[in-house]
PDB file of N, CA and C in Angstrom:
ATOM      1  N   MET A   1    -167.812  23.589 -87.187  1.00  0.00           N
ATOM      2  CA  MET A   1    -167.878  22.351 -86.515  1.00  0.00           C
ATOM      3  C   MET A   1    -167.675  22.615 -85.067  1.00  0.00           C
ATOM      4  N   GLY A   2    -168.405  22.018 -84.166  1.00  0.00           N
ATOM      5  CA  GLY A   2    -168.406  22.209 -82.735  1.00  0.00           C
ATOM      6  C   GLY A   2    -167.483  21.250 -82.100  1.00  0.00           C
ATOM      7  N   MET A   3    -167.431  21.373 -80.741  1.00  0.00           N
ATOM      8  CA  MET A   3    -166.575  20.569 -79.883  1.00  0.00           C
ATOM      9  C   MET A   3    -166.918  19.104 -79.972  1.00  0.00           C
ATOM     10  N   THR A   4    -165.966  18.233 -80.091  1.00  0.00           N
ATOM     11  CA  THR A   4    -166.237  16.756 -80.104  1.00  0.00           C
ATOM     12  C   THR A   4    -165.910  16.211 -78.664  1.00  0.00           C
ATOM     13  N   SER A   5    -166.264  15.061 -78.499  1.00  0.00           N
ATOM     14  CA  SER A   5    -166.027  14.330 -77.205  1.00  0.00           C
ATOM     15  C   SER A   5    -164.516  14.306 -76.921  1.00  0.00           C
ATOM     16  N   ASP A   6    -163.768  13.987 -78.107  1.00  0.00           N
ATOM     17  CA  ASP A   6    -162.335  13.871 -78.025  1.00  0.00           C
ATOM     18  C   ASP A   6    -161.712  15.229 -77.586  1.00  0.00           C
ATOM     19  N   ASP A   7    -162.228  16.376 -78.128  1.00  0.00           N
ATOM     20  CA  ASP A   7    -161.751  17.696 -77.715  1.00  0.00           C
ATOM     21  C   ASP A   7    -161.976  17.933 -76.361  1.00  0.00           C
ATOM     22  N   ILE A   8    -163.112  17.564 -75.729  1.00  0.00           N
ATOM     23  CA  ILE A   8    -163.377  17.792 -74.394  1.00  0.00           C
ATOM     24  C   ILE A   8    -162.479  16.875 -73.574  1.00  0.00           C
ATOM     25  N   GLN A   9    -162.279  15.690 -73.941  1.00  0.00           N
ATOM     26  CA  GLN A   9    -161.367  14.835 -73.175  1.00  0.00           C
ATOM     27  C   GLN A   9    -159.871  15.253 -73.238  1.00  0.00           C
ATOM     28  N   LYS A  10    -159.485  15.823 -74.388  1.00  0.00           N
ATOM     29  CA  LYS A  10    -158.156  16.499 -74.505  1.00  0.00           C
ATOM     30  C   LYS A  10    -158.024  17.685 -73.468  1.00  0.00           C
ATOM     31  N   ALA A  11    -159.046  18.487 -73.526  1.00  0.00           N
ATOM     32  CA  ALA A  11    -159.048  19.665 -72.545  1.00  0.00           C
ATOM     33  C   ALA A  11    -158.960  19.252 -71.118  1.00  0.00           C
ATOM     34  N   LEU A  12    -159.691  18.185 -70.781  1.00  0.00           N
ATOM     35  CA  LEU A  12    -159.722  17.714 -69.359  1.00  0.00           C
ATOM     36  C   LEU A  12    -158.364  17.113 -69.027  1.00  0.00           C
ATOM     37  N   ARG A  13    -157.644  16.447 -69.998  1.00  0.00           N
ATOM     38  CA  ARG A  13    -156.411  15.897 -69.743  1.00  0.00           C
ATOM     39  C   ARG A  13    -155.350  17.093 -69.507  1.00  0.00           C
ATOM     40  N   VAL A  14    -155.421  18.067 -70.384  1.00  0.00           N
ATOM     41  CA  VAL A  14    -154.648  19.284 -70.154  1.00  0.00           C
ATOM     42  C   VAL A  14    -154.759  19.871 -68.742  1.00  0.00           C
ATOM     43  N   ARG A  15    -156.074  19.924 -68.398  1.00  0.00           N
ATOM     44  CA  ARG A  15    -156.497  20.483 -67.064  1.00  0.00           C
ATOM     45  C   ARG A  15    -155.756  19.619 -65.919  1.00  0.00           C
ATOM     46  N   ARG A  16    -155.859  18.439 -65.985  1.00  0.00           N
ATOM     47  CA  ARG A  16    -155.232  17.466 -65.028  1.00  0.00           C
ATOM     48  C   ARG A  16    -153.697  17.542 -65.052  1.00  0.00           C
ATOM     49  N   THR A  17    -153.179  17.730 -66.138  1.00  0.00           N
ATOM     50  CA  THR A  17    -151.674  17.779 -66.254  1.00  0.00           C
ATOM     51  C   THR A  17    -151.170  19.038 -65.735  1.00  0.00           C
ATOM     52  N   VAL A  18    -151.873  20.117 -65.919  1.00  0.00           N
ATOM     53  CA  VAL A  18    -151.499  21.369 -65.372  1.00  0.00           C
ATOM     54  C   VAL A  18    -151.664  21.430 -63.828  1.00  0.00           C
ATOM     55  N   LYS A  19    -152.742  20.833 -63.447  1.00  0.00           N
ATOM     56  CA  LYS A  19    -152.939  20.670 -62.025  1.00  0.00           C
ATOM     57  C   LYS A  19    -151.770  19.971 -61.308  1.00  0.00           C
ATOM     58  N   GLU A  20    -151.420  18.925 -61.918  1.00  0.00           N
ATOM     59  CA  GLU A  20    -150.299  18.074 -61.414  1.00  0.00           C
ATOM     60  C   GLU A  20    -148.911  18.870 -61.456  1.00  0.00           C
ATOM     61  N   TYR A  21    -148.806  19.660 -62.523  1.00  0.00           N
ATOM     62  CA  TYR A  21    -147.590  20.390 -62.596  1.00  0.00           C
ATOM     63  C   TYR A  21    -147.517  21.375 -61.529  1.00  0.00           C
ATOM     64  N   PHE A  22    -148.571  22.097 -61.170  1.00  0.00           N
ATOM     65  CA  PHE A  22    -148.480  23.171 -60.034  1.00  0.00           C
ATOM     66  C   PHE A  22    -148.424  22.512 -58.704  1.00  0.00           C
ATOM     67  N   GLU A  23    -148.834  21.191 -58.589  1.00  0.00           N
ATOM     68  CA  GLU A  23    -148.696  20.485 -57.300  1.00  0.00           C
ATOM     69  C   GLU A  23    -147.284  20.204 -57.009  1.00  0.00           C
ATOM     70  N   THR A  24    -146.429  20.165 -57.949  1.00  0.00           N
ATOM     71  CA  THR A  24    -144.988  19.820 -57.707  1.00  0.00           C
ATOM     72  C   THR A  24    -144.054  20.969 -58.064  1.00  0.00           C
ATOM     73  N   SER A  25    -144.611  22.117 -58.406  1.00  0.00           N
ATOM     74  CA  SER A  25    -143.745  23.277 -58.850  1.00  0.00           C
ATOM     75  C   SER A  25    -143.932  24.489 -57.873  1.00  0.00           C
ATOM     76  N   HIS A  26    -142.941  25.233 -57.700  1.00  0.00           N
ATOM     77  CA  HIS A  26    -143.142  26.467 -56.899  1.00  0.00           C
ATOM     78  C   HIS A  26    -143.572  27.627 -57.759  1.00  0.00           C
ATOM     79  N   GLU A  27    -143.692  27.405 -59.020  1.00  0.00           N
ATOM     80  CA  GLU A  27    -144.237  28.527 -59.922  1.00  0.00           C
ATOM     81  C   GLU A  27    -145.776  28.688 -59.721  1.00  0.00           C
ATOM     82  N   THR A  28    -146.204  29.878 -59.896  1.00  0.00           N
ATOM     83  CA  THR A  28    -147.644  30.182 -59.938  1.00  0.00           C
ATOM     84  C   THR A  28    -148.164  30.559 -61.363  1.00  0.00           C
ATOM     85  N   LYS A  29    -147.289  30.765 -62.223  1.00  0.00           N
ATOM     86  CA  LYS A  29    -147.625  31.180 -63.646  1.00  0.00           C
ATOM     87  C   LYS A  29    -146.663  30.638 -64.605  1.00  0.00           C
ATOM     88  N   VAL A  30    -147.059  30.079 -65.686  1.00  0.00           N
ATOM     89  CA  VAL A  30    -146.083  29.469 -66.705  1.00  0.00           C
ATOM     90  C   VAL A  30    -146.730  29.682 -68.099  1.00  0.00           C
ATOM     91  N   GLN A  31    -145.868  29.889 -69.080  1.00  0.00           N
ATOM     92  CA  GLN A  31    -146.416  30.058 -70.531  1.00  0.00           C
ATOM     93  C   GLN A  31    -146.780  28.651 -70.870  1.00  0.00           C
ATOM     94  N   ALA A  32    -147.989  28.580 -71.515  1.00  0.00           N
ATOM     95  CA  ALA A  32    -148.502  27.370 -71.976  1.00  0.00           C
ATOM     96  C   ALA A  32    -147.445  26.556 -72.833  1.00  0.00           C
ATOM     97  N   LYS A  33    -146.677  27.140 -73.712  1.00  0.00           N
ATOM     98  CA  LYS A  33    -145.690  26.448 -74.511  1.00  0.00           C
ATOM     99  C   LYS A  33    -144.700  25.776 -73.670  1.00  0.00           C
ATOM    100  N   GLU A  34    -144.401  26.247 -72.508  1.00  0.00           N
ATOM    101  CA  GLU A  34    -143.268  25.699 -71.642  1.00  0.00           C
ATOM    102  C   GLU A  34    -143.703  24.359 -71.146  1.00  0.00           C
ATOM    103  N   LEU A  35    -144.947  23.984 -71.192  1.00  0.00           N
ATOM    104  CA  LEU A  35    -145.363  22.692 -70.754  1.00  0.00           C
ATOM    105  C   LEU A  35    -145.566  21.664 -71.806  1.00  0.00           C
ATOM    106  N   MET A  36    -145.147  21.959 -73.071  1.00  0.00           N
ATOM    107  CA  MET A  36    -145.304  21.079 -74.170  1.00  0.00           C
ATOM    108  C   MET A  36    -144.618  19.737 -73.908  1.00  0.00           C
ATOM    109  N   LYS A  37    -143.450  19.656 -73.402  1.00  0.00           N
ATOM    110  CA  LYS A  37    -142.695  18.426 -73.105  1.00  0.00           C
ATOM    111  C   LYS A  37    -143.553  17.577 -72.189  1.00  0.00           C
ATOM    112  N   LEU A  38    -144.147  18.159 -71.124  1.00  0.00           N
ATOM    113  CA  LEU A  38    -145.037  17.403 -70.244  1.00  0.00           C
ATOM    114  C   LEU A  38    -146.281  16.923 -70.912  1.00  0.00           C
ATOM    115  N   PHE A  39    -146.873  17.700 -71.849  1.00  0.00           N
ATOM    116  CA  PHE A  39    -148.011  17.312 -72.583  1.00  0.00           C
ATOM    117  C   PHE A  39    -147.644  16.197 -73.447  1.00  0.00           C
ATOM    118  N   MET A  40    -146.448  16.158 -74.050  1.00  0.00           N
ATOM    119  CA  MET A  40    -146.074  15.088 -74.884  1.00  0.00           C
ATOM    120  C   MET A  40    -145.816  13.814 -74.168  1.00  0.00           C
ATOM    121  N   GLU A  41    -145.164  13.908 -72.967  1.00  0.00           N
ATOM    122  CA  GLU A  41    -144.916  12.804 -72.137  1.00  0.00           C
ATOM    123  C   GLU A  41    -146.201  12.080 -71.704  1.00  0.00           C
ATOM    124  N   LYS A  42    -147.335  12.957 -71.493  1.00  0.00           N
ATOM    125  CA  LYS A  42    -148.680  12.392 -71.114  1.00  0.00           C
ATOM    126  C   LYS A  42    -149.520  11.979 -72.425  1.00  0.00           C
ATOM    127  N   GLY A  43    -148.897  12.121 -73.561  1.00  0.00           N
ATOM    128  CA  GLY A  43    -149.558  11.649 -74.748  1.00  0.00           C
ATOM    129  C   GLY A  43    -150.608  12.571 -75.222  1.00  0.00           C
ATOM    130  N   ILE A  44    -150.770  13.744 -74.753  1.00  0.00           N
ATOM    131  CA  ILE A  44    -151.763  14.696 -75.116  1.00  0.00           C
ATOM    132  C   ILE A  44    -151.456  15.295 -76.491  1.00  0.00           C
ATOM    133  N   PHE A  45    -150.203  15.598 -76.735  1.00  0.00           N
ATOM    134  CA  PHE A  45    -149.792  16.059 -78.059  1.00  0.00           C
ATOM    135  C   PHE A  45    -148.625  15.183 -78.473  1.00  0.00           C
ATOM    136  N   THR A  46    -148.438  14.962 -79.744  1.00  0.00           N
ATOM    137  CA  THR A  46    -147.433  14.075 -80.209  1.00  0.00           C
ATOM    138  C   THR A  46    -146.124  14.753 -80.682  1.00  0.00           C
ATOM    139  N   LYS A  47    -146.213  16.097 -80.872  1.00  0.00           N
ATOM    140  CA  LYS A  47    -144.958  16.787 -81.348  1.00  0.00           C
ATOM    141  C   LYS A  47    -145.050  18.193 -80.886  1.00  0.00           C
ATOM    142  N   ASN A  48    -143.908  18.806 -80.864  1.00  0.00           N
ATOM    143  CA  ASN A  48    -143.775  20.316 -80.490  1.00  0.00           C
ATOM    144  C   ASN A  48    -143.136  20.981 -81.560  1.00  0.00           C
ATOM    145  N   THR A  49    -143.886  21.610 -82.374  1.00  0.00           N
ATOM    146  CA  THR A  49    -143.362  22.425 -83.497  1.00  0.00           C
ATOM    147  C   THR A  49    -143.635  23.840 -83.323  1.00  0.00           C
ATOM    148  N   GLN A  50    -142.814  24.805 -83.828  1.00  0.00           N
ATOM    149  CA  GLN A  50    -143.025  26.259 -83.672  1.00  0.00           C
ATOM    150  C   GLN A  50    -143.274  26.658 -82.351  1.00  0.00           C
ATOM    151  N   ASP A  51    -142.520  26.241 -81.398  1.00  0.00           N
ATOM    152  CA  ASP A  51    -142.482  26.713 -80.087  1.00  0.00           C
ATOM    153  C   ASP A  51    -143.856  26.621 -79.416  1.00  0.00           C
ATOM    154  N   GLY A  52    -144.463  25.493 -79.404  1.00  0.00           N
ATOM    155  CA  GLY A  52    -145.677  25.144 -78.729  1.00  0.00           C
ATOM    156  C   GLY A  52    -146.961  25.434 -79.539  1.00  0.00           C
ATOM    157  N   LEU A  53    -146.796  25.417 -80.808  1.00  0.00           N
ATOM    158  CA  LEU A  53    -147.882  25.760 -81.688  1.00  0.00           C
ATOM    159  C   LEU A  53    -149.187  24.862 -81.439  1.00  0.00           C
ATOM    160  N   GLN A  54    -148.975  23.555 -81.113  1.00  0.00           N
ATOM    161  CA  GLN A  54    -150.125  22.628 -80.892  1.00  0.00           C
ATOM    162  C   GLN A  54    -150.952  23.103 -79.712  1.00  0.00           C
ATOM    163  N   ILE A  55    -150.344  23.402 -78.558  1.00  0.00           N
ATOM    164  CA  ILE A  55    -151.118  23.941 -77.418  1.00  0.00           C
ATOM    165  C   ILE A  55    -151.784  25.242 -77.670  1.00  0.00           C
ATOM    166  N   ARG A  56    -150.998  26.135 -78.298  1.00  0.00           N
ATOM    167  CA  ARG A  56    -151.614  27.444 -78.617  1.00  0.00           C
ATOM    168  C   ARG A  56    -152.776  27.355 -79.547  1.00  0.00           C
ATOM    169  N   GLU A  57    -152.678  26.539 -80.579  1.00  0.00           N
ATOM    170  CA  GLU A  57    -153.872  26.343 -81.475  1.00  0.00           C
ATOM    171  C   GLU A  57    -155.002  25.705 -80.716  1.00  0.00           C
ATOM    172  N   PHE A  58    -154.719  24.738 -79.872  1.00  0.00           N
ATOM    173  CA  PHE A  58    -155.785  24.075 -79.131  1.00  0.00           C
ATOM    174  C   PHE A  58    -156.487  25.076 -78.238  1.00  0.00           C
ATOM    175  N   LEU A  59    -155.719  25.849 -77.492  1.00  0.00           N
ATOM    176  CA  LEU A  59    -156.354  26.934 -76.654  1.00  0.00           C
ATOM    177  C   LEU A  59    -157.102  27.860 -77.497  1.00  0.00           C
ATOM    178  N   LYS A  60    -156.625  28.267 -78.601  1.00  0.00           N
ATOM    179  CA  LYS A  60    -157.273  29.165 -79.482  1.00  0.00           C
ATOM    180  C   LYS A  60    -158.639  28.591 -79.899  1.00  0.00           C
ATOM    181  N   TYR A  61    -158.674  27.340 -80.233  1.00  0.00           N
ATOM    182  CA  TYR A  61    -159.841  26.601 -80.644  1.00  0.00           C
ATOM    183  C   TYR A  61    -160.915  26.609 -79.551  1.00  0.00           C
ATOM    184  N   LEU A  62    -160.392  26.311 -78.232  1.00  0.00           N
ATOM    185  CA  LEU A  62    -161.355  26.233 -77.128  1.00  0.00           C
ATOM    186  C   LEU A  62    -161.971  27.661 -76.871  1.00  0.00           C
ATOM    187  N   ASP A  63    -161.188  28.663 -77.080  1.00  0.00           N
ATOM    188  CA  ASP A  63    -161.605  30.031 -76.951  1.00  0.00           C
ATOM    189  C   ASP A  63    -162.710  30.260 -78.043  1.00  0.00           C
ATOM    190  N   GLU A  64    -162.456  29.944 -79.223  1.00  0.00           N
ATOM    191  CA  GLU A  64    -163.430  30.091 -80.294  1.00  0.00           C
ATOM    192  C   GLU A  64    -164.713  29.384 -80.107  1.00  0.00           C
ATOM    193  N   GLN A  65    -164.633  28.293 -79.449  1.00  0.00           N
ATOM    194  CA  GLN A  65    -165.765  27.383 -79.115  1.00  0.00           C
ATOM    195  C   GLN A  65    -166.420  27.829 -77.812  1.00  0.00           C
ATOM    196  N   ASN A  66    -165.898  28.819 -77.141  1.00  0.00           N
ATOM    197  CA  ASN A  66    -166.392  29.256 -75.731  1.00  0.00           C
ATOM    198  C   ASN A  66    -166.313  28.141 -74.821  1.00  0.00           C
ATOM    199  N   HIS A  67    -165.165  27.421 -74.796  1.00  0.00           N
ATOM    200  CA  HIS A  67    -165.040  26.340 -73.834  1.00  0.00           C
ATOM    201  C   HIS A  67    -163.697  26.459 -73.025  1.00  0.00           C
ATOM    202  N   LEU A  68    -163.197  27.610 -72.847  1.00  0.00           N
ATOM    203  CA  LEU A  68    -161.961  27.768 -72.102  1.00  0.00           C
ATOM    204  C   LEU A  68    -162.223  27.444 -70.613  1.00  0.00           C
ATOM    205  N   HIS A  69    -163.533  27.425 -70.202  1.00  0.00           N
ATOM    206  CA  HIS A  69    -163.921  27.056 -68.801  1.00  0.00           C
ATOM    207  C   HIS A  69    -163.466  25.598 -68.545  1.00  0.00           C
ATOM    208  N   LEU A  70    -163.216  24.821 -69.537  1.00  0.00           N
ATOM    209  CA  LEU A  70    -162.843  23.369 -69.230  1.00  0.00           C
ATOM    210  C   LEU A  70    -161.419  23.401 -68.531  1.00  0.00           C
ATOM    211  N   ILE A  71    -160.626  24.420 -68.808  1.00  0.00           N
ATOM    212  CA  ILE A  71    -159.239  24.504 -68.102  1.00  0.00           C
ATOM    213  C   ILE A  71    -159.298  25.831 -67.273  1.00  0.00           C
ATOM    214  N   PRO A  72    -159.568  25.646 -66.019  1.00  0.00           N
ATOM    215  CA  PRO A  72    -159.772  26.818 -65.162  1.00  0.00           C
ATOM    216  C   PRO A  72    -158.446  27.467 -64.947  1.00  0.00           C
ATOM    217  N   GLN A  73    -157.353  26.864 -65.220  1.00  0.00           N
ATOM    218  CA  GLN A  73    -155.982  27.503 -64.996  1.00  0.00           C
ATOM    219  C   GLN A  73    -155.510  28.396 -66.086  1.00  0.00           C
ATOM    220  N   ILE A  74    -156.323  28.427 -67.171  1.00  0.00           N
ATOM    221  CA  ILE A  74    -155.936  29.213 -68.336  1.00  0.00           C
ATOM    222  C   ILE A  74    -155.948  30.725 -68.050  1.00  0.00           C
ATOM    223  N   TYR A  75    -155.103  31.301 -68.654  1.00  0.00           N
ATOM    224  CA  TYR A  75    -155.024  32.828 -68.585  1.00  0.00           C
ATOM    225  C   TYR A  75    -154.342  33.364 -69.820  1.00  0.00           C
ATOM    226  N   PHE A  76    -154.810  34.476 -70.354  1.00  0.00           N
ATOM    227  CA  PHE A  76    -154.124  35.005 -71.554  1.00  0.00           C
ATOM    228  C   PHE A  76    -153.981  36.473 -71.436  1.00  0.00           C
ATOM    229  N   GLU A  77    -152.866  36.967 -72.172  1.00  0.00           N
ATOM    230  CA  GLU A  77    -152.731  38.467 -72.301  1.00  0.00           C
ATOM    231  C   GLU A  77    -152.963  38.709 -73.766  1.00  0.00           C
ATOM    232  N   GLN A  78    -153.867  39.533 -74.054  1.00  0.00           N
ATOM    233  CA  GLN A  78    -154.140  40.031 -75.445  1.00  0.00           C
ATOM    234  C   GLN A  78    -153.219  41.146 -75.891  1.00  0.00           C
ATOM    235  N   ASN A  79    -152.569  40.945 -77.019  1.00  0.00           N
ATOM    236  CA  ASN A  79    -151.857  42.021 -77.626  1.00  0.00           C
ATOM    237  C   ASN A  79    -152.595  42.421 -78.858  1.00  0.00           C
ATOM    238  N   LYS A  80    -151.968  43.346 -79.718  1.00  0.00           N
ATOM    239  CA  LYS A  80    -152.680  43.819 -80.913  1.00  0.00           C
ATOM    240  C   LYS A  80    -153.125  42.757 -81.905  1.00  0.00           C
ATOM    241  N   VAL A  81    -152.274  41.692 -82.022  1.00  0.00           N
ATOM    242  CA  VAL A  81    -152.481  40.674 -83.014  1.00  0.00           C
ATOM    243  C   VAL A  81    -152.969  39.391 -82.495  1.00  0.00           C
ATOM    244  N   SER A  82    -152.424  39.011 -81.364  1.00  0.00           N
ATOM    245  CA  SER A  82    -152.775  37.639 -80.829  1.00  0.00           C
ATOM    246  C   SER A  82    -152.812  37.659 -79.343  1.00  0.00           C
ATOM    247  N   LYS A  83    -152.967  36.396 -78.829  1.00  0.00           N
ATOM    248  CA  LYS A  83    -152.946  36.235 -77.295  1.00  0.00           C
ATOM    249  C   LYS A  83    -151.713  35.392 -76.944  1.00  0.00           C
ATOM    250  N   SER A  84    -151.142  35.828 -75.815  1.00  0.00           N
ATOM    251  CA  SER A  84    -150.129  35.017 -75.173  1.00  0.00           C
ATOM    252  C   SER A  84    -150.792  34.150 -74.145  1.00  0.00           C
ATOM    253  N   TRP A  85    -150.666  32.792 -74.228  1.00  0.00           N
ATOM    254  CA  TRP A  85    -151.321  31.894 -73.335  1.00  0.00           C
ATOM    255  C   TRP A  85    -150.499  31.448 -72.177  1.00  0.00           C
ATOM    256  N   PHE A  86    -151.085  31.442 -71.025  1.00  0.00           N
ATOM    257  CA  PHE A  86    -150.420  31.034 -69.685  1.00  0.00           C
ATOM    258  C   PHE A  86    -151.336  30.068 -68.962  1.00  0.00           C
ATOM    259  N   PHE A  87    -150.789  29.378 -68.025  1.00  0.00           N
ATOM    260  CA  PHE A  87    -151.481  28.582 -67.032  1.00  0.00           C
ATOM    261  C   PHE A  87    -151.147  29.190 -65.664  1.00  0.00           C
ATOM    262  N   ILE A  88    -152.078  29.452 -64.802  1.00  0.00           N
ATOM    263  CA  ILE A  88    -151.795  30.063 -63.511  1.00  0.00           C
ATOM    264  C   ILE A  88    -152.303  29.017 -62.481  1.00  0.00           C
ATOM    265  N   GLU A  89    -151.607  28.999 -61.307  1.00  0.00           N
ATOM    266  CA  GLU A  89    -152.109  27.989 -60.289  1.00  0.00           C
ATOM    267  C   GLU A  89    -153.468  28.385 -59.857  1.00  0.00           C
ATOM    268  N   SER A  90    -154.328  27.296 -59.758  1.00  0.00           N
ATOM    269  CA  SER A  90    -155.699  27.416 -59.372  1.00  0.00           C
ATOM    270  C   SER A  90    -156.089  26.435 -58.359  1.00  0.00           C
ATOM    271  N   SER A  91    -157.029  26.712 -57.530  1.00  0.00           N
ATOM    272  CA  SER A  91    -157.454  25.827 -56.473  1.00  0.00           C
ATOM    273  C   SER A  91    -158.543  24.876 -56.953  1.00  0.00           C
ATOM    274  N   LYS A  92    -158.959  24.989 -58.184  1.00  0.00           N
ATOM    275  CA  LYS A  92    -160.018  24.138 -58.715  1.00  0.00           C
ATOM    276  C   LYS A  92    -159.502  22.837 -59.252  1.00  0.00           C
TER     277      LYS A  92
END
């Protein structure tokens, strides 16, 4: 199954929320799971289980669908088994 309109809209909402976060933060890099509370406040995700599982699964899905470009602030570090997901400050 490919990307749906709802998936694209969710990705764009994550993008906007991350942009807003960096506009008010002194940080330049943050683990994706650290923003789960903010994503929940914005209504992007409804719960936070297993230390940010929902955002990690969504980013993995975007990666599998070759749509990570929808969130230009995304950055990952690959280890032997999985990826660690981060957001970095971006001028986009």
